[in-house]
PDB file of all heavy atoms in Angstrom:
ATOM      1  N   SER A   1       1.323  -3.480 -13.262  1.00  0.00           N
ATOM      2  CA  SER A   1       0.825  -3.525 -14.648  1.00  0.00           C
ATOM      3  C   SER A   1      -0.590  -2.952 -14.662  1.00  0.00           C
ATOM      4  O   SER A   1      -1.268  -2.818 -13.597  1.00  0.00           O
ATOM      5  CB  SER A   1       0.753  -4.950 -15.299  1.00  0.00           C
ATOM      6  OG  SER A   1      -0.164  -5.713 -14.445  1.00  0.00           O
ATOM      7  N   GLY A   2      -1.132  -2.542 -15.844  1.00  0.00           N
ATOM      8  CA  GLY A   2      -2.478  -2.021 -15.874  1.00  0.00           C
ATOM      9  C   GLY A   2      -2.476  -0.467 -15.958  1.00  0.00           C
ATOM     10  O   GLY A   2      -1.601   0.118 -15.425  1.00  0.00           O
ATOM     11  N   SER A   3      -3.515   0.018 -16.492  1.00  0.00           N
ATOM     12  CA  SER A   3      -3.601   1.441 -16.655  1.00  0.00           C
ATOM     13  C   SER A   3      -4.229   2.223 -15.523  1.00  0.00           C
ATOM     14  O   SER A   3      -4.277   3.433 -15.567  1.00  0.00           O
ATOM     15  CB  SER A   3      -4.572   1.760 -18.000  1.00  0.00           C
ATOM     16  OG  SER A   3      -5.813   1.217 -17.697  1.00  0.00           O
ATOM     17  N   ILE A   4      -4.632   1.539 -14.460  1.00  0.00           N
ATOM     18  CA  ILE A   4      -5.289   2.193 -13.401  1.00  0.00           C
ATOM     19  C   ILE A   4      -4.302   2.550 -12.256  1.00  0.00           C
ATOM     20  O   ILE A   4      -4.686   3.089 -11.204  1.00  0.00           O
ATOM     21  CB  ILE A   4      -6.479   1.494 -12.774  1.00  0.00           C
ATOM     22  CG1 ILE A   4      -5.941   0.060 -12.268  1.00  0.00           C
ATOM     23  CG2 ILE A   4      -7.521   1.300 -13.885  1.00  0.00           C
ATOM     24  CD1 ILE A   4      -7.128  -0.573 -11.422  1.00  0.00           C
ATOM     25  N   PHE A   5      -2.951   2.364 -12.369  1.00  0.00           N
ATOM     26  CA  PHE A   5      -1.969   2.530 -11.355  1.00  0.00           C
ATOM     27  C   PHE A   5      -2.154   3.924 -10.804  1.00  0.00           C
ATOM     28  O   PHE A   5      -2.173   4.145  -9.633  1.00  0.00           O
ATOM     29  CB  PHE A   5      -0.531   2.306 -11.835  1.00  0.00           C
ATOM     30  CG  PHE A   5       0.447   2.555 -10.873  1.00  0.00           C
ATOM     31  CD1 PHE A   5       0.751   1.723  -9.860  1.00  0.00           C
ATOM     32  CD2 PHE A   5       1.122   3.850 -10.891  1.00  0.00           C
ATOM     33  CE1 PHE A   5       1.680   2.076  -8.878  1.00  0.00           C
ATOM     34  CE2 PHE A   5       2.125   4.131  -9.987  1.00  0.00           C
ATOM     35  CZ  PHE A   5       2.394   3.302  -8.955  1.00  0.00           C
ATOM     36  N   ARG A   6      -2.145   4.928 -11.714  1.00  0.00           N
ATOM     37  CA  ARG A   6      -2.112   6.279 -11.242  1.00  0.00           C
ATOM     38  C   ARG A   6      -3.357   6.719 -10.507  1.00  0.00           C
ATOM     39  O   ARG A   6      -3.467   7.643  -9.791  1.00  0.00           O
ATOM     40  CB  ARG A   6      -1.947   7.207 -12.512  1.00  0.00           C
ATOM     41  CG  ARG A   6      -3.104   7.255 -13.451  1.00  0.00           C
ATOM     42  CD  ARG A   6      -2.857   8.201 -14.616  1.00  0.00           C
ATOM     43  NE  ARG A   6      -4.026   8.149 -15.539  1.00  0.00           N
ATOM     44  CZ  ARG A   6      -5.104   8.854 -15.473  1.00  0.00           C
ATOM     45  NH1 ARG A   6      -5.119   9.642 -14.358  1.00  0.00           N
ATOM     46  NH2 ARG A   6      -5.942   8.790 -16.277  1.00  0.00           N
ATOM     47  N   LEU A   7      -4.387   5.915 -10.537  1.00  0.00           N
ATOM     48  CA  LEU A   7      -5.646   6.179  -9.878  1.00  0.00           C
ATOM     49  C   LEU A   7      -5.801   5.421  -8.553  1.00  0.00           C
ATOM     50  O   LEU A   7      -6.596   5.667  -7.787  1.00  0.00           O
ATOM     51  CB  LEU A   7      -6.827   5.685 -10.778  1.00  0.00           C
ATOM     52  CG  LEU A   7      -7.037   6.476 -12.155  1.00  0.00           C
ATOM     53  CD1 LEU A   7      -8.187   5.828 -12.937  1.00  0.00           C
ATOM     54  CD2 LEU A   7      -7.190   7.949 -11.938  1.00  0.00           C
ATOM     55  N   SER A   8      -4.763   4.549  -8.324  1.00  0.00           N
ATOM     56  CA  SER A   8      -4.844   3.649  -7.200  1.00  0.00           C
ATOM     57  C   SER A   8      -4.122   4.211  -5.984  1.00  0.00           C
ATOM     58  O   SER A   8      -3.128   4.810  -6.187  1.00  0.00           O
ATOM     59  CB  SER A   8      -4.217   2.321  -7.617  1.00  0.00           C
ATOM     60  OG  SER A   8      -4.901   1.655  -8.704  1.00  0.00           O
ATOM     61  N   ASP A   9      -4.719   3.951  -4.827  1.00  0.00           N
ATOM     62  CA  ASP A   9      -4.022   4.109  -3.601  1.00  0.00           C
ATOM     63  C   ASP A   9      -3.079   2.950  -3.354  1.00  0.00           C
ATOM     64  O   ASP A   9      -3.462   1.719  -3.491  1.00  0.00           O
ATOM     65  CB  ASP A   9      -4.960   4.196  -2.386  1.00  0.00           C
ATOM     66  CG  ASP A   9      -5.882   5.467  -2.512  1.00  0.00           C
ATOM     67  OD1 ASP A   9      -5.494   6.390  -3.209  1.00  0.00           O
ATOM     68  OD2 ASP A   9      -6.958   5.395  -1.927  1.00  0.00           O
ATOM     69  N   MET A  10      -1.800   3.152  -3.123  1.00  0.00           N
ATOM     70  CA  MET A  10      -0.743   2.182  -3.070  1.00  0.00           C
ATOM     71  C   MET A  10      -0.318   1.995  -1.604  1.00  0.00           C
ATOM     72  O   MET A  10       0.022   3.052  -0.999  1.00  0.00           O
ATOM     73  CB  MET A  10       0.405   2.443  -3.931  1.00  0.00           C
ATOM     74  CG  MET A  10       0.014   2.565  -5.454  1.00  0.00           C
ATOM     75  SD  MET A  10      -0.670   1.150  -6.107  1.00  0.00           S
ATOM     76  CE  MET A  10       0.679   0.005  -5.962  1.00  0.00           C
ATOM     77  N   GLY A  11      -0.159   0.833  -1.129  1.00  0.00           N
ATOM     78  CA  GLY A  11       0.274   0.576   0.191  1.00  0.00           C
ATOM     79  C   GLY A  11       1.454  -0.500   0.347  1.00  0.00           C
ATOM     80  O   GLY A  11       1.465  -1.414  -0.559  1.00  0.00           O
ATOM     81  N   TRP A  12       2.184  -0.376   1.311  1.00  0.00           N
ATOM     82  CA  TRP A  12       3.194  -1.493   1.709  1.00  0.00           C
ATOM     83  C   TRP A  12       2.694  -1.945   3.021  1.00  0.00           C
ATOM     84  O   TRP A  12       2.358  -1.152   3.949  1.00  0.00           O
ATOM     85  CB  TRP A  12       4.559  -0.853   1.856  1.00  0.00           C
ATOM     86  CG  TRP A  12       5.167  -0.710   0.514  1.00  0.00           C
ATOM     87  CD1 TRP A  12       5.394   0.580  -0.146  1.00  0.00           C
ATOM     88  CD2 TRP A  12       5.898  -1.582  -0.264  1.00  0.00           C
ATOM     89  NE1 TRP A  12       6.024   0.339  -1.313  1.00  0.00           N
ATOM     90  CE2 TRP A  12       6.326  -0.969  -1.438  1.00  0.00           C
ATOM     91  CE3 TRP A  12       6.120  -3.025  -0.114  1.00  0.00           C
ATOM     92  CZ2 TRP A  12       7.174  -1.601  -2.402  1.00  0.00           C
ATOM     93  CZ3 TRP A  12       6.779  -3.606  -1.203  1.00  0.00           C
ATOM     94  CH2 TRP A  12       7.270  -2.989  -2.259  1.00  0.00           C
ATOM     95  N   TYR A  13       2.591  -3.369   3.109  1.00  0.00           N
ATOM     96  CA  TYR A  13       2.227  -4.023   4.292  1.00  0.00           C
ATOM     97  C   TYR A  13       3.376  -4.938   4.644  1.00  0.00           C
ATOM     98  O   TYR A  13       4.138  -5.229   3.800  1.00  0.00           O
ATOM     99  CB  TYR A  13       0.959  -4.796   4.151  1.00  0.00           C
ATOM    100  CG  TYR A  13      -0.292  -3.882   3.983  1.00  0.00           C
ATOM    101  CD1 TYR A  13      -0.539  -3.275   2.744  1.00  0.00           C
ATOM    102  CD2 TYR A  13      -1.268  -3.892   5.004  1.00  0.00           C
ATOM    103  CE1 TYR A  13      -1.721  -2.478   2.638  1.00  0.00           C
ATOM    104  CE2 TYR A  13      -2.349  -3.035   4.818  1.00  0.00           C
ATOM    105  CZ  TYR A  13      -2.643  -2.340   3.686  1.00  0.00           C
ATOM    106  OH  TYR A  13      -3.725  -1.562   3.588  1.00  0.00           O
ATOM    107  N   ARG A  14       3.397  -5.455   5.914  1.00  0.00           N
ATOM    108  CA  ARG A  14       4.293  -6.471   6.227  1.00  0.00           C
ATOM    109  C   ARG A  14       3.760  -7.459   7.278  1.00  0.00           C
ATOM    110  O   ARG A  14       2.881  -7.156   8.015  1.00  0.00           O
ATOM    111  CB  ARG A  14       5.525  -5.851   6.886  1.00  0.00           C
ATOM    112  CG  ARG A  14       5.432  -5.137   8.271  1.00  0.00           C
ATOM    113  CD  ARG A  14       6.618  -4.498   8.668  1.00  0.00           C
ATOM    114  NE  ARG A  14       6.518  -3.839   9.948  1.00  0.00           N
ATOM    115  CZ  ARG A  14       7.389  -2.951  10.541  1.00  0.00           C
ATOM    116  NH1 ARG A  14       8.561  -2.696   9.805  1.00  0.00           N
ATOM    117  NH2 ARG A  14       7.232  -2.531  11.662  1.00  0.00           N
ATOM    118  N   GLN A  15       4.300  -8.605   7.132  1.00  0.00           N
ATOM    119  CA  GLN A  15       3.834  -9.708   8.072  1.00  0.00           C
ATOM    120  C   GLN A  15       5.076 -10.424   8.537  1.00  0.00           C
ATOM    121  O   GLN A  15       5.818 -11.096   7.784  1.00  0.00           O
ATOM    122  CB  GLN A  15       2.857 -10.652   7.377  1.00  0.00           C
ATOM    123  CG  GLN A  15       2.300 -11.675   8.472  1.00  0.00           C
ATOM    124  CD  GLN A  15       1.158 -12.408   7.845  1.00  0.00           C
ATOM    125  OE1 GLN A  15       0.885 -12.454   6.583  1.00  0.00           O
ATOM    126  NE2 GLN A  15       0.248 -12.953   8.576  1.00  0.00           N
ATOM    127  N   ALA A  16       5.223 -10.387   9.872  1.00  0.00           N
ATOM    128  CA  ALA A  16       6.373 -11.157  10.493  1.00  0.00           C
ATOM    129  C   ALA A  16       5.834 -12.426  10.996  1.00  0.00           C
ATOM    130  O   ALA A  16       4.617 -12.646  11.075  1.00  0.00           O
ATOM    131  CB  ALA A  16       6.818 -10.311  11.802  1.00  0.00           C
ATOM    132  N   PRO A  17       6.741 -13.426  11.098  1.00  0.00           N
ATOM    133  CA  PRO A  17       6.270 -14.883  11.552  1.00  0.00           C
ATOM    134  C   PRO A  17       5.495 -14.710  12.837  1.00  0.00           C
ATOM    135  O   PRO A  17       5.928 -14.124  13.828  1.00  0.00           O
ATOM    136  CB  PRO A  17       7.596 -15.547  11.770  1.00  0.00           C
ATOM    137  CG  PRO A  17       8.565 -14.820  10.852  1.00  0.00           C
ATOM    138  CD  PRO A  17       8.158 -13.405  10.930  1.00  0.00           C
ATOM    139  N   GLY A  18       4.337 -15.373  12.812  1.00  0.00           N
ATOM    140  CA  GLY A  18       3.442 -15.437  13.957  1.00  0.00           C
ATOM    141  C   GLY A  18       2.744 -14.184  14.258  1.00  0.00           C
ATOM    142  O   GLY A  18       2.028 -14.213  15.383  1.00  0.00           O
ATOM    143  N   LYS A  19       2.680 -13.226  13.410  1.00  0.00           N
ATOM    144  CA  LYS A  19       2.017 -11.906  13.725  1.00  0.00           C
ATOM    145  C   LYS A  19       1.110 -11.691  12.515  1.00  0.00           C
ATOM    146  O   LYS A  19       1.215 -12.193  11.459  1.00  0.00           O
ATOM    147  CB  LYS A  19       3.060 -10.723  13.880  1.00  0.00           C
ATOM    148  CG  LYS A  19       3.918 -10.935  15.007  1.00  0.00           C
ATOM    149  CD  LYS A  19       4.764  -9.621  15.206  1.00  0.00           C
ATOM    150  CE  LYS A  19       5.619  -9.681  16.483  1.00  0.00           C
ATOM    151  NZ  LYS A  19       6.405  -8.434  16.718  1.00  0.00           N
ATOM    152  N   GLN A  20       0.147 -10.852  12.828  1.00  0.00           N
ATOM    153  CA  GLN A  20      -0.843 -10.363  11.715  1.00  0.00           C
ATOM    154  C   GLN A  20      -0.176  -9.360  10.829  1.00  0.00           C
ATOM    155  O   GLN A  20       0.831  -8.675  11.191  1.00  0.00           O
ATOM    156  CB  GLN A  20      -2.015  -9.695  12.429  1.00  0.00           C
ATOM    157  CG  GLN A  20      -2.883 -10.753  13.110  1.00  0.00           C
ATOM    158  CD  GLN A  20      -4.186 -10.130  13.500  1.00  0.00           C
ATOM    159  OE1 GLN A  20      -4.352  -8.887  13.780  1.00  0.00           O
ATOM    160  NE2 GLN A  20      -5.301 -10.879  13.585  1.00  0.00           N
ATOM    161  N   ARG A  21      -0.650  -9.343   9.628  1.00  0.00           N
ATOM    162  CA  ARG A  21      -0.185  -8.419   8.613  1.00  0.00           C
ATOM    163  C   ARG A  21      -0.551  -6.974   9.125  1.00  0.00           C
ATOM    164  O   ARG A  21      -1.634  -6.808   9.597  1.00  0.00           O
ATOM    165  CB  ARG A  21      -0.791  -8.694   7.237  1.00  0.00           C
ATOM    166  CG  ARG A  21      -0.241  -7.728   6.164  1.00  0.00           C
ATOM    167  CD  ARG A  21      -0.671  -8.239   4.781  1.00  0.00           C
ATOM    168  NE  ARG A  21      -2.073  -8.339   4.601  1.00  0.00           N
ATOM    169  CZ  ARG A  21      -2.766  -9.068   3.751  1.00  0.00           C
ATOM    170  NH1 ARG A  21      -2.017  -9.694   2.760  1.00  0.00           N
ATOM    171  NH2 ARG A  21      -4.057  -9.107   3.602  1.00  0.00           N
ATOM    172  N   GLU A  22       0.387  -6.030   8.920  1.00  0.00           N
ATOM    173  CA  GLU A  22       0.162  -4.670   9.386  1.00  0.00           C
ATOM    174  C   GLU A  22       0.586  -3.689   8.243  1.00  0.00           C
ATOM    175  O   GLU A  22       1.466  -4.059   7.426  1.00  0.00           O
ATOM    176  CB  GLU A  22       1.054  -4.340  10.678  1.00  0.00           C
ATOM    177  CG  GLU A  22       2.540  -4.462  10.394  1.00  0.00           C
ATOM    178  CD  GLU A  22       3.267  -3.975  11.681  1.00  0.00           C
ATOM    179  OE1 GLU A  22       2.626  -3.404  12.614  1.00  0.00           O
ATOM    180  OE2 GLU A  22       4.502  -4.081  11.617  1.00  0.00           O
ATOM    181  N   LEU A  23      -0.221  -2.606   8.300  1.00  0.00           N
ATOM    182  CA  LEU A  23       0.153  -1.590   7.297  1.00  0.00           C
ATOM    183  C   LEU A  23       1.417  -0.822   7.700  1.00  0.00           C
ATOM    184  O   LEU A  23       1.611  -0.448   8.846  1.00  0.00           O
ATOM    185  CB  LEU A  23      -1.027  -0.591   7.259  1.00  0.00           C
ATOM    186  CG  LEU A  23      -0.796   0.723   6.384  1.00  0.00           C
ATOM    187  CD1 LEU A  23      -0.850   0.382   4.938  1.00  0.00           C
ATOM    188  CD2 LEU A  23      -1.911   1.747   6.696  1.00  0.00           C
ATOM    189  N   VAL A  24       2.280  -0.650   6.765  1.00  0.00           N
ATOM    190  CA  VAL A  24       3.586   0.046   7.000  1.00  0.00           C
ATOM    191  C   VAL A  24       3.390   1.484   6.453  1.00  0.00           C
ATOM    192  O   VAL A  24       3.745   2.447   7.235  1.00  0.00           O
ATOM    193  CB  VAL A  24       4.639  -0.591   6.178  1.00  0.00           C
ATOM    194  CG1 VAL A  24       6.032   0.207   6.389  1.00  0.00           C
ATOM    195  CG2 VAL A  24       4.848  -2.073   6.707  1.00  0.00           C
ATOM    196  N   ALA A  25       2.969   1.609   5.138  1.00  0.00           N
ATOM    197  CA  ALA A  25       2.870   2.989   4.606  1.00  0.00           C
ATOM    198  C   ALA A  25       1.868   2.954   3.525  1.00  0.00           C
ATOM    199  O   ALA A  25       1.789   1.908   2.895  1.00  0.00           O
ATOM    200  CB  ALA A  25       4.245   3.488   4.233  1.00  0.00           C
ATOM    201  N   VAL A  26       1.252   4.073   3.232  1.00  0.00           N
ATOM    202  CA  VAL A  26       0.311   4.201   2.107  1.00  0.00           C
ATOM    203  C   VAL A  26       0.524   5.483   1.408  1.00  0.00           C
ATOM    204  O   VAL A  26       0.906   6.564   2.098  1.00  0.00           O
ATOM    205  CB  VAL A  26      -1.106   4.038   2.572  1.00  0.00           C
ATOM    206  CG1 VAL A  26      -1.529   5.064   3.625  1.00  0.00           C
ATOM    207  CG2 VAL A  26      -2.095   3.891   1.426  1.00  0.00           C
ATOM    208  N   ILE A  27       0.382   5.484   0.128  1.00  0.00           N
ATOM    209  CA  ILE A  27       0.366   6.822  -0.667  1.00  0.00           C
ATOM    210  C   ILE A  27      -0.870   6.766  -1.579  1.00  0.00           C
ATOM    211  O   ILE A  27      -1.121   5.902  -2.336  1.00  0.00           O
ATOM    212  CB  ILE A  27       1.733   6.907  -1.449  1.00  0.00           C
ATOM    213  CG1 ILE A  27       1.743   8.240  -2.162  1.00  0.00           C
ATOM    214  CG2 ILE A  27       1.881   5.706  -2.403  1.00  0.00           C
ATOM    215  CD1 ILE A  27       3.139   8.599  -2.668  1.00  0.00           C
ATOM    216  N   ALA A  28      -1.564   7.908  -1.346  1.00  0.00           N
ATOM    217  CA  ALA A  28      -2.859   7.995  -2.137  1.00  0.00           C
ATOM    218  C   ALA A  28      -2.552   8.337  -3.601  1.00  0.00           C
ATOM    219  O   ALA A  28      -1.471   8.768  -3.904  1.00  0.00           O
ATOM    220  CB  ALA A  28      -3.747   8.917  -1.504  1.00  0.00           C
ATOM    221  N   SER A  29      -3.519   8.292  -4.385  1.00  0.00           N
ATOM    222  CA  SER A  29      -3.261   8.587  -5.802  1.00  0.00           C
ATOM    223  C   SER A  29      -2.934  10.049  -5.960  1.00  0.00           C
ATOM    224  O   SER A  29      -2.213  10.398  -6.895  1.00  0.00           O
ATOM    225  CB  SER A  29      -4.630   8.367  -6.586  1.00  0.00           C
ATOM    226  OG  SER A  29      -5.691   9.091  -6.100  1.00  0.00           O
ATOM    227  N   GLY A  30      -3.384  10.898  -5.021  1.00  0.00           N
ATOM    228  CA  GLY A  30      -3.028  12.368  -5.102  1.00  0.00           C
ATOM    229  C   GLY A  30      -1.691  12.648  -4.430  1.00  0.00           C
ATOM    230  O   GLY A  30      -1.253  13.788  -4.522  1.00  0.00           O
ATOM    231  N   GLY A  31      -1.061  11.657  -3.815  1.00  0.00           N
ATOM    232  CA  GLY A  31       0.241  11.813  -3.269  1.00  0.00           C
ATOM    233  C   GLY A  31       0.332  11.927  -1.737  1.00  0.00           C
ATOM    234  O   GLY A  31       1.379  11.873  -1.206  1.00  0.00           O
ATOM    235  N   ASN A  32      -0.840  12.057  -1.073  1.00  0.00           N
ATOM    236  CA  ASN A  32      -0.770  12.053   0.387  1.00  0.00           C
ATOM    237  C   ASN A  32      -0.307  10.785   0.966  1.00  0.00           C
ATOM    238  O   ASN A  32      -0.545   9.669   0.439  1.00  0.00           O
ATOM    239  CB  ASN A  32      -2.165  12.388   0.968  1.00  0.00           C
ATOM    240  CG  ASN A  32      -2.700  13.753   0.670  1.00  0.00           C
ATOM    241  OD1 ASN A  32      -1.888  14.624   0.409  1.00  0.00           O
ATOM    242  ND2 ASN A  32      -3.937  13.975   0.685  1.00  0.00           N
ATOM    243  N   THR A  33       0.480  10.853   2.053  1.00  0.00           N
ATOM    244  CA  THR A  33       1.212   9.655   2.571  1.00  0.00           C
ATOM    245  C   THR A  33       0.703   9.479   4.060  1.00  0.00           C
ATOM    246  O   THR A  33       0.320  10.482   4.785  1.00  0.00           O
ATOM    247  CB  THR A  33       2.630   9.697   2.480  1.00  0.00           C
ATOM    248  OG1 THR A  33       3.063  10.907   3.200  1.00  0.00           O
ATOM    249  CG2 THR A  33       3.105   9.817   1.057  1.00  0.00           C
TER     250      THR A  33
END
């Protein structure tokens, strides 16, 4: 929600039991991944 989505860098992270959260993938506002 919100009007700033298109300006935001978006990322997916994951956390398995007993492990630290880690970055899975990121897509910048300009589309770079």
